[in-house]
Amino acid sequence: DAAYAASTHALADALLLNRRRSPAYSSAAFVPAPMYVHLVGQCSLTQDEPAWADLEVAGGAPFYGMVTASTVVECSREARSFHRAGYCHRAFDVDGNVAYVCEDSDVVCIESEADDEVGGHSCILMDSDERGVFPPLTCFTLKEVKLQGEWTAPGGVLVEQRLLVVKATYLPRAHAACEWTAPGGVLVEQRLLVVKATYLPRAHAA
């Protein structure tokens, strides 16, 4: 929705800033482990972004096997997030207690890769290296589909659901905070507008 464009970009900028500040990403060689999330059901990909339902539908999406998410994609690789019946998402009761609710759904595996000239491909880790997010406007591309019994989840759980393996690509905002360092080595968290000056000598100047 265009009405939320400014908020969407601001949220993406905040997540990218969080990544830039994380010591884990100080090495260009760092790549987070694969993350997982369920495709349908409560708190699922399709609940937040209906376009995910067309990931495998030829002619359904503008580009077969490709989804651009307009919302934050939360994912995990915690061993307790997996059960033989499927992926278990975190839920909280009124007292703030955590429970893991299993969903009968295909599971999506998001494989991080090293950044390149095209953009960023790594999960943005949050409070641990087992949970993370991808910012809004990330493009997810289907790489392969594994059938039940062909894959094992973290913790050694043999999940009786299909696994859709995707790759993520997002573009760092050109004016994102912390894009530049001021004289004296000060890291400035404001936009920097770079301009070029041009002037024409007067033909009749002295």
Protein backbone atom coordinates (compact mmCIF):
# COMPACT_ATOMS: atom_id res chain seq x y z
CA ASP A 1 0.00 0.00 0.00
CA ALA A 2 1.52 3.30 -1.11
CA ALA A 3 0.06 4.99 1.97
CA TYR A 4 2.60 3.11 4.10
CA ALA A 5 5.60 3.59 1.82
CA ALA A 6 7.41 6.01 4.14
CA SER A 7 6.91 3.73 7.15
CA THR A 8 8.03 0.68 5.16
CA HIS A 9 11.26 2.38 4.10
CA ALA A 10 11.89 3.72 7.61
CA LEU A 11 11.51 0.22 9.05
CA ALA A 12 13.88 -1.21 6.44
CA ASP A 13 16.43 1.51 7.27
CA ALA A 14 16.22 0.75 10.99
CA LEU A 15 16.86 -2.96 10.42
CA LEU A 16 19.78 -2.25 8.09
CA LEU A 17 21.24 0.08 10.72
CA ASN A 18 20.93 -2.70 13.29
CA ARG A 19 22.88 -4.96 10.95
CA ARG A 20 25.61 -2.39 10.40
CA ARG A 21 26.06 -1.96 14.15
CA SER A 22 26.27 -5.69 14.88
CA PRO A 23 29.82 -6.95 15.50
CA ALA A 24 28.93 -10.22 13.76
CA TYR A 25 28.83 -8.45 10.40
CA SER A 26 32.22 -6.76 10.79
CA SER A 27 33.70 -9.55 8.70
CA ALA A 28 32.68 -9.61 5.04
CA ALA A 29 32.99 -13.39 5.15
CA PHE A 30 30.30 -13.79 7.83
CA VAL A 31 27.17 -15.56 6.59
CA PRO A 32 24.39 -16.58 9.03
CA ALA A 33 23.13 -20.16 9.02
CA PRO A 34 19.90 -20.98 7.14
CA MET A 35 16.69 -19.77 8.78
CA TYR A 36 13.19 -21.25 8.65
CA VAL A 37 9.56 -20.19 8.77
CA HIS A 38 6.20 -21.79 7.88
CA LEU A 39 4.37 -20.94 4.66
CA VAL A 40 0.69 -21.06 5.75
CA GLY A 41 -1.23 -20.88 9.02
CA GLN A 42 -1.11 -18.51 11.97
CA CYS A 43 1.78 -16.02 11.95
CA SER A 44 2.87 -17.44 8.58
CA LEU A 45 4.37 -15.95 5.46
CA THR A 46 1.10 -16.02 3.55
CA GLN A 47 -0.77 -14.42 6.44
CA ASP A 48 1.53 -11.39 6.28
CA GLU A 49 2.09 -11.43 2.50
CA PRO A 50 -0.50 -13.31 0.34
CA ALA A 51 1.88 -13.29 -2.64
CA TRP A 52 3.84 -16.12 -1.00
CA ALA A 53 1.00 -18.47 -1.98
CA ASP A 54 2.04 -18.05 -5.62
CA LEU A 55 5.68 -18.97 -5.11
CA GLU A 56 5.21 -22.24 -7.04
CA VAL A 57 2.30 -21.24 -9.26
CA ALA A 58 3.43 -20.76 -12.86
CA GLY A 59 1.74 -17.63 -14.18
CA GLY A 60 0.36 -16.77 -10.75
CA ALA A 61 3.02 -14.31 -9.73
CA PRO A 62 4.63 -11.72 -12.03
CA PHE A 63 7.77 -13.85 -12.01
CA TYR A 64 7.54 -17.57 -11.31
CA GLY A 65 9.42 -18.57 -8.19
CA MET A 66 9.88 -15.02 -6.96
CA VAL A 67 8.20 -13.04 -4.15
CA THR A 68 8.89 -9.49 -3.00
CA ALA A 69 7.77 -9.16 0.61
CA SER A 70 6.27 -5.84 1.68
CA THR A 71 6.60 -6.75 5.38
CA VAL A 72 9.35 -7.91 7.71
CA VAL A 73 10.00 -11.66 7.43
CA GLU A 74 10.77 -13.21 10.81
CA CYS A 75 12.57 -16.56 10.85
CA SER A 76 14.30 -18.95 13.23
CA ARG A 77 16.49 -22.02 13.48
CA GLU A 78 15.80 -22.87 17.13
CA ALA A 79 15.59 -26.63 17.63
CA ARG A 80 12.33 -26.21 19.59
CA SER A 81 10.77 -24.58 16.52
CA PHE A 82 10.58 -27.98 14.82
CA HIS A 83 8.33 -30.98 15.27
CA ARG A 84 7.77 -34.01 13.07
CA ALA A 85 4.44 -32.47 12.08
CA GLY A 86 5.90 -29.12 10.99
CA TYR A 87 7.33 -25.78 12.02
CA CYS A 88 6.36 -24.35 15.42
CA HIS A 89 6.01 -20.59 15.72
CA ARG A 90 6.42 -18.66 18.95
CA ALA A 91 3.26 -17.41 20.67
CA PHE A 92 2.81 -15.42 23.87
CA ASP A 93 -0.03 -15.56 26.38
CA VAL A 94 -1.38 -12.59 28.33
CA ASP A 95 1.27 -13.09 30.99
CA GLY A 96 4.09 -13.05 28.47
CA ASN A 97 4.82 -16.76 28.64
CA VAL A 98 6.19 -18.33 25.47
CA ALA A 99 4.66 -21.35 23.78
CA TYR A 100 5.54 -23.03 20.48
CA VAL A 101 2.54 -23.76 18.24
CA CYS A 102 2.99 -26.32 15.46
CA GLU A 103 1.49 -25.57 12.02
CA ASP A 104 0.61 -28.14 9.36
CA SER A 105 2.42 -26.35 6.54
CA ASP A 106 5.26 -26.46 4.07
CA VAL A 107 8.41 -25.00 5.60
CA VAL A 108 10.46 -22.28 3.91
CA CYS A 109 14.24 -22.32 4.34
CA ILE A 110 15.92 -18.97 3.66
CA GLU A 111 19.58 -19.46 2.84
CA SER A 112 21.85 -16.50 3.49
CA GLU A 113 24.73 -15.74 1.14
CA ALA A 114 27.56 -13.24 1.12
CA ASP A 115 26.63 -9.77 -0.11
CA ASP A 116 27.62 -8.88 -3.66
CA GLU A 117 27.23 -6.11 -6.21
CA VAL A 118 23.55 -6.98 -6.61
CA GLY A 119 22.67 -6.40 -2.95
CA GLY A 120 22.44 -7.96 0.49
CA HIS A 121 21.58 -11.64 0.92
CA SER A 122 22.13 -12.23 4.65
CA CYS A 123 19.62 -12.62 7.43
CA ILE A 124 19.73 -9.77 9.97
CA LEU A 125 20.27 -11.46 13.33
CA MET A 126 18.30 -10.15 16.29
CA ASP A 127 18.71 -11.23 19.93
CA SER A 128 20.58 -14.46 19.08
CA ASP A 129 22.18 -16.25 16.15
CA GLU A 130 19.12 -18.51 15.98
CA ARG A 131 16.56 -15.81 15.21
CA GLY A 132 16.55 -13.09 12.61
CA VAL A 133 14.62 -11.05 10.09
CA PHE A 134 14.72 -9.87 6.50
CA PRO A 135 13.71 -6.24 5.85
CA PRO A 136 10.65 -5.15 3.90
CA LEU A 137 11.06 -5.13 0.10
CA THR A 138 13.32 -8.20 0.17
CA CYS A 139 12.99 -10.34 -2.95
CA PHE A 140 12.89 -14.10 -2.33
CA THR A 141 13.72 -16.49 -5.18
CA LEU A 142 12.88 -20.18 -5.12
CA LYS A 143 15.99 -22.38 -5.47
CA GLU A 144 14.72 -25.91 -4.87
CA VAL A 145 11.98 -28.00 -3.30
CA LYS A 146 12.73 -30.93 -0.98
CA LEU A 147 10.04 -33.51 -0.26
CA GLN A 148 9.11 -34.97 3.10
CA GLY A 149 11.90 -37.18 4.38
CA GLU A 150 14.55 -35.48 2.24
CA TRP A 151 15.67 -32.97 4.84
CA THR A 152 16.47 -32.70 8.52
CA ALA A 153 15.75 -29.61 10.63
CA PRO A 154 18.13 -28.12 13.22
CA GLY A 155 18.23 -30.41 16.22
CA GLY A 156 18.03 -33.49 14.02
CA VAL A 157 14.24 -33.45 13.64
CA LEU A 158 12.94 -35.23 10.53
CA VAL A 159 10.03 -32.98 9.57
CA GLU A 160 7.21 -34.55 7.58
CA GLN A 161 6.61 -31.48 5.45
CA ARG A 162 8.04 -30.18 2.19
CA LEU A 163 10.90 -27.71 2.32
CA LEU A 164 10.98 -24.75 -0.07
CA VAL A 165 14.52 -23.35 -0.24
CA VAL A 166 14.78 -19.69 -1.22
CA LYS A 167 17.46 -17.04 -1.65
CA ALA A 168 16.98 -13.47 -0.40
CA THR A 169 18.07 -10.20 -2.01
CA TYR A 170 17.59 -6.70 -0.65
CA LEU A 171 19.09 -3.36 -1.59
CA PRO A 172 20.63 -1.11 1.05
CA ARG A 173 18.89 2.25 0.91
CA ALA A 174 21.09 4.86 -0.78
CA HIS A 175 20.37 7.39 1.99
CA ALA A 176 20.30 4.98 4.93
CA ALA A 177 21.68 6.21 8.23
CA CYS A 178 25.37 5.59 8.93
CA GLU A 179 26.21 5.71 5.23
CA TRP A 180 29.01 8.19 5.79
CA THR A 181 31.74 9.27 8.18
CA ALA A 182 32.39 12.95 8.87
CA PRO A 183 35.84 14.54 9.26
CA GLY A 184 37.40 13.32 12.47
CA GLY A 185 35.94 9.87 12.06
CA VAL A 186 32.49 10.75 13.41
CA LEU A 187 29.79 8.33 12.24
CA VAL A 188 26.78 10.51 11.38
CA GLU A 189 23.29 9.03 11.51
CA GLN A 190 21.72 11.47 9.08
CA ARG A 191 21.35 11.57 5.33
CA LEU A 192 24.23 12.93 3.28
CA LEU A 193 23.34 14.69 0.04
CA VAL A 194 26.35 14.73 -2.30
CA VAL A 195 26.30 17.54 -4.86
CA LYS A 196 28.67 18.68 -7.58
CA ALA A 197 29.36 22.38 -8.16
CA THR A 198 29.79 23.86 -11.63
CA TYR A 199 30.32 27.48 -12.60
CA LEU A 200 31.00 29.16 -15.94
CA PRO A 201 33.71 31.83 -16.25
CA ARG A 202 32.24 35.08 -17.59
CA ALA A 203 33.32 35.62 -21.18
CA HIS A 204 34.06 39.28 -20.50
CA ALA A 205 35.72 38.82 -17.10
CA ALA A 206 38.75 41.00 -16.43
